[in-house]
Protein backbone atom coordinates (compact mmCIF):
# COMPACT_ATOMS: atom_id res chain seq x y z
CA MET A 1 -66.98 -112.69 -150.10
CA ALA A 2 -67.15 -109.16 -148.89
CA THR A 3 -66.00 -108.19 -145.40
CA ILE A 4 -68.49 -106.07 -143.57
CA LEU A 5 -67.56 -103.92 -140.48
CA LEU A 6 -70.46 -103.70 -137.83
CA ILE A 7 -70.17 -100.92 -135.23
CA GLU A 8 -73.02 -101.25 -132.70
CA ASP A 9 -72.78 -100.72 -129.14
CA GLU A 10 -75.66 -102.65 -128.01
CA ALA A 11 -74.48 -106.23 -127.65
CA THR A 12 -77.93 -108.22 -128.71
CA VAL A 13 -78.49 -106.20 -131.62
CA ARG A 14 -74.52 -106.50 -132.59
CA GLU A 15 -74.47 -110.35 -132.18
CA THR A 16 -77.74 -110.79 -134.13
CA LEU A 17 -76.93 -108.63 -137.02
CA ALA A 18 -73.29 -110.22 -137.06
CA MET A 19 -74.92 -113.89 -137.17
CA ASN A 20 -77.58 -113.09 -139.91
CA LEU A 21 -74.75 -111.40 -142.03
CA ARG A 22 -72.40 -114.25 -141.57
CA ALA A 23 -75.27 -116.88 -142.39
CA GLU A 24 -75.65 -114.73 -145.87
CA GLY A 25 -71.98 -115.55 -146.46
CA TYR A 26 -70.39 -112.30 -145.47
CA ASP A 27 -67.17 -111.97 -143.25
CA VAL A 28 -68.01 -109.84 -140.22
CA LEU A 29 -65.88 -107.62 -137.91
CA THR A 30 -67.43 -106.20 -134.86
CA ALA A 31 -66.93 -103.31 -132.61
CA ALA A 32 -68.78 -101.91 -129.37
CA ASP A 33 -67.70 -98.42 -129.77
CA GLY A 34 -66.68 -95.80 -132.36
CA MET A 35 -62.86 -95.61 -131.46
CA THR A 36 -62.70 -99.50 -131.61
CA GLY A 37 -64.67 -99.19 -135.00
CA LEU A 38 -62.46 -96.56 -136.63
CA ASP A 39 -59.26 -98.55 -135.91
CA LEU A 40 -60.85 -101.64 -137.47
CA ALA A 41 -61.99 -99.69 -140.68
CA ARG A 42 -58.39 -98.10 -140.85
CA ASP A 43 -56.62 -101.36 -140.35
CA GLU A 44 -58.75 -104.14 -141.99
CA GLY A 45 -60.30 -102.26 -145.00
CA PRO A 46 -64.04 -103.50 -145.08
CA ASP A 47 -65.95 -103.75 -148.12
CA LEU A 48 -68.80 -101.81 -146.16
CA ILE A 49 -69.45 -100.60 -142.68
CA ILE A 50 -72.75 -100.74 -140.88
CA MET A 51 -72.87 -98.48 -137.93
CA ASP A 52 -74.91 -96.96 -135.12
CA LEU A 53 -75.33 -93.45 -134.73
CA MET A 54 -75.11 -93.14 -131.35
CA LEU A 55 -72.06 -94.85 -129.83
CA PRO A 56 -69.71 -94.64 -127.11
CA LYS A 57 -66.21 -92.87 -127.07
CA LEU A 58 -66.72 -91.65 -130.67
CA ASP A 59 -70.06 -91.11 -132.24
CA GLY A 60 -71.21 -92.45 -135.73
CA LEU A 61 -70.95 -88.99 -137.38
CA SER A 62 -67.73 -88.52 -135.91
CA VAL A 63 -66.40 -91.78 -137.37
CA CYS A 64 -68.29 -91.35 -140.77
CA ARG A 65 -66.37 -87.73 -141.17
CA ILE A 66 -62.92 -89.37 -140.33
CA VAL A 67 -63.44 -92.45 -142.76
CA ARG A 68 -64.47 -90.41 -145.20
CA LYS A 69 -61.06 -88.32 -145.37
CA ASP A 70 -59.53 -91.12 -147.16
CA SER A 71 -62.18 -93.98 -148.18
CA ASP A 72 -65.41 -94.34 -150.04
CA VAL A 73 -66.28 -97.51 -148.60
CA PRO A 74 -70.24 -97.62 -148.33
CA ILE A 75 -71.57 -96.69 -144.87
CA ILE A 76 -75.05 -97.89 -144.00
CA MET A 77 -76.20 -95.61 -140.71
CA LEU A 78 -78.18 -97.22 -138.15
CA THR A 79 -80.27 -94.71 -136.02
CA ALA A 80 -83.06 -94.69 -133.45
CA ARG A 81 -83.75 -91.15 -134.30
CA GLY A 82 -85.85 -90.86 -137.58
CA THR A 83 -86.20 -87.19 -138.07
CA GLU A 84 -85.62 -85.58 -141.43
CA MET A 85 -82.59 -83.51 -140.09
CA ASP A 86 -81.00 -86.64 -138.60
CA ARG A 87 -81.11 -88.56 -141.69
CA ILE A 88 -80.05 -85.40 -143.92
CA THR A 89 -77.23 -85.02 -141.51
CA GLY A 90 -76.34 -88.58 -142.02
CA LEU A 91 -76.14 -88.67 -145.44
CA GLU A 92 -74.38 -85.09 -145.89
CA THR A 93 -71.76 -86.45 -143.52
CA GLY A 94 -70.73 -89.16 -145.78
CA ALA A 95 -73.09 -92.00 -145.35
CA ASP A 96 -74.53 -93.80 -147.96
CA ASP A 97 -77.73 -94.90 -146.74
CA TYR A 98 -79.52 -95.02 -143.26
CA VAL A 99 -81.81 -97.41 -141.56
CA VAL A 100 -84.28 -96.54 -138.82
CA LYS A 101 -84.62 -98.74 -135.84
CA PRO A 102 -86.62 -100.50 -135.59
CA PHE A 103 -85.86 -102.45 -138.88
CA SER A 104 -86.42 -105.63 -140.47
CA LEU A 105 -83.46 -107.94 -141.35
CA GLY A 106 -84.66 -108.38 -144.88
CA GLU A 107 -84.69 -104.50 -145.28
CA LEU A 108 -81.05 -104.44 -143.83
CA MET A 109 -79.96 -107.06 -146.12
CA ALA A 110 -81.42 -105.56 -149.12
CA ARG A 111 -79.77 -102.45 -148.53
CA VAL A 112 -76.44 -104.11 -147.73
CA ARG A 113 -76.49 -105.88 -151.07
CA ALA A 114 -77.59 -102.76 -152.93
CA ASN A 115 -74.58 -100.68 -151.50
CA LEU A 116 -72.08 -103.53 -152.11
CA ARG A 117 -73.39 -103.68 -155.91
CA ARG A 118 -72.97 -100.01 -156.23
CA SER A 119 -69.53 -100.16 -154.85
CA HIS A 120 -68.12 -102.86 -156.97
CA ALA A 121 -69.69 -101.07 -160.08
CA ASP A 122 -68.02 -97.78 -158.89
CA HIS A 123 -64.78 -99.43 -158.22
CA ARG A 124 -64.64 -101.05 -161.78
CA ALA A 125 -62.79 -99.06 -164.57
CA GLN A 126 -65.09 -96.36 -165.43
CA ALA A 127 -68.00 -97.31 -167.12
CA THR A 128 -68.98 -95.46 -170.42
CA ARG A 129 -72.26 -96.85 -170.57
CA LEU A 130 -75.09 -97.39 -168.08
CA SER A 131 -78.14 -99.33 -168.44
CA ALA A 132 -81.22 -100.27 -166.76
CA GLY A 133 -84.24 -102.18 -168.31
CA GLU A 134 -85.04 -100.09 -171.46
CA LEU A 135 -83.19 -97.11 -170.19
CA SER A 136 -79.43 -96.92 -171.44
CA MET A 137 -76.99 -93.93 -171.40
CA ASP A 138 -73.72 -93.53 -173.53
CA LEU A 139 -71.53 -91.40 -171.22
CA LEU A 140 -68.94 -90.77 -173.83
CA ALA A 141 -71.22 -89.73 -176.60
CA ARG A 142 -73.66 -88.26 -174.17
CA ARG A 143 -76.74 -89.90 -175.57
CA ALA A 144 -79.81 -91.53 -173.56
CA SER A 145 -82.30 -93.92 -175.03
CA LEU A 146 -85.31 -95.27 -173.58
CA GLY A 147 -85.97 -98.40 -175.88
CA SER A 148 -85.14 -97.65 -179.37
CA ALA A 149 -86.18 -93.82 -179.05
CA GLU A 150 -83.32 -91.15 -178.18
CA LEU A 151 -84.35 -89.07 -175.34
CA LYS A 152 -83.70 -85.03 -175.75
CA LEU A 153 -82.02 -84.39 -172.50
CA THR A 154 -80.77 -80.87 -171.54
CA HIS A 155 -77.12 -81.04 -170.17
CA ARG A 156 -78.34 -81.11 -166.37
CA GLU A 157 -80.91 -83.49 -167.06
CA PHE A 158 -78.23 -85.85 -168.61
CA ASP A 159 -75.81 -85.38 -165.62
CA LEU A 160 -78.67 -85.93 -163.27
CA LEU A 161 -79.91 -89.01 -164.83
CA ALA A 162 -76.27 -90.43 -164.84
CA GLU A 163 -75.66 -89.67 -161.19
CA LEU A 164 -78.87 -91.33 -160.26
CA MET A 165 -78.28 -94.42 -162.37
CA ARG A 166 -74.81 -94.67 -161.15
CA ASN A 167 -75.98 -95.07 -157.58
CA GLN A 168 -79.12 -97.31 -158.42
CA GLY A 169 -81.01 -98.33 -155.00
CA ALA A 170 -79.27 -95.64 -153.05
CA VAL A 171 -80.92 -92.38 -151.60
CA LEU A 172 -79.50 -89.25 -152.66
CA SER A 173 -80.35 -86.27 -150.92
CA ARG A 174 -81.02 -82.77 -152.76
CA ASP A 175 -78.12 -81.21 -151.61
CA LEU A 176 -75.75 -84.16 -152.51
CA LEU A 177 -77.37 -84.24 -155.98
CA LEU A 178 -76.81 -80.20 -156.39
CA ASN A 179 -73.11 -80.65 -155.29
CA ARG A 180 -72.65 -83.19 -157.52
CA VAL A 181 -74.43 -82.39 -160.75
CA TRP A 182 -74.48 -78.30 -160.24
CA GLY A 183 -71.05 -77.92 -158.38
CA PHE A 184 -69.78 -76.85 -155.00
CA ASP A 185 -69.82 -73.62 -156.18
CA TYR A 186 -73.59 -73.11 -157.16
CA ILE A 187 -75.47 -70.53 -155.87
CA GLY A 188 -79.16 -71.28 -155.70
CA ASP A 189 -82.20 -72.84 -154.10
CA SER A 190 -81.88 -76.82 -153.71
CA HIS A 191 -85.35 -76.94 -154.97
CA THR A 192 -84.05 -76.81 -158.62
CA VAL A 193 -83.04 -80.37 -158.17
CA ASP A 194 -87.08 -81.10 -157.71
CA VAL A 195 -87.77 -79.11 -160.72
CA HIS A 196 -85.21 -81.17 -163.01
CA ILE A 197 -86.39 -84.33 -161.36
CA ARG A 198 -89.95 -83.53 -162.63
CA TRP A 199 -88.55 -82.78 -166.26
CA LEU A 200 -86.79 -85.90 -166.11
CA ARG A 201 -89.79 -87.99 -165.02
CA GLU A 202 -91.69 -86.54 -167.79
CA LYS A 203 -89.07 -88.33 -170.22
CA VAL A 204 -88.45 -91.63 -168.61
CA GLU A 205 -91.59 -92.24 -166.77
CA ALA A 206 -94.43 -94.10 -168.49
CA ASP A 207 -96.67 -92.24 -165.80
CA PRO A 208 -94.79 -89.34 -164.28
CA SER A 209 -97.48 -88.72 -161.59
CA THR A 210 -96.86 -92.15 -160.57
CA PRO A 211 -92.98 -92.78 -161.16
CA ARG A 212 -91.43 -96.22 -160.85
CA ARG A 213 -87.84 -95.29 -162.08
CA ILE A 214 -87.19 -92.26 -160.06
CA THR A 215 -88.82 -92.15 -156.90
CA THR A 216 -89.29 -89.77 -153.79
CA VAL A 217 -88.13 -90.65 -150.37
CA ARG A 218 -89.69 -88.11 -148.25
CA GLY A 219 -88.11 -85.66 -146.30
CA VAL A 220 -84.44 -87.03 -147.81
CA GLY A 221 -84.03 -86.90 -151.71
CA TYR A 222 -84.48 -89.42 -154.70
CA ARG A 223 -83.69 -92.96 -155.48
CA PHE A 224 -83.25 -94.77 -158.93
CA GLU A 225 -85.08 -98.03 -158.82
CA GLY A 226 -83.92 -99.04 -162.37
């Protein structure tokens, strides 16, 4: 079973979350401050980190930046600050997901499972095929199909859909998608992502005006639901 590192300075929250994670079968390591959490992350190599944004000794964003220098472990950020800028900053610093306090345990557990699934998939040998329901992609042949019908995708649309499907269940910001699909040296407006998402929806959604596969997370970005 996966090992989860929980970095949270509020004792009641830390103990409650640790108890519930263990009840789900996870091994749990805990830390009450950022420095201790960073040491555990380096020494123990957890499968996933749940971390508060506001931490003593070393804040969550700083821990995230340092961990990201040599690890791609999934990081879920807990924050009492739910503004758009806070969420975007957390995601662009290297967090994979965020949960705004107060949150339900059910929501957090679902996000833990989703991020672990994606992480396990990423660490397998590089997949040459992606699939979700009737939607499938052959990455080597660069072909995508919906049921028995082949989709006519542009180069960017194909790469964008592949990135979304690889990270199923995770929220990806516009800037993150722009960097991964268009490249770090791309000079242009991040709204080009919105345009390509709209074009993709016209090809993969039964009703593009009410998307079910590619959903919008207001103020953050997009999530592929499968």
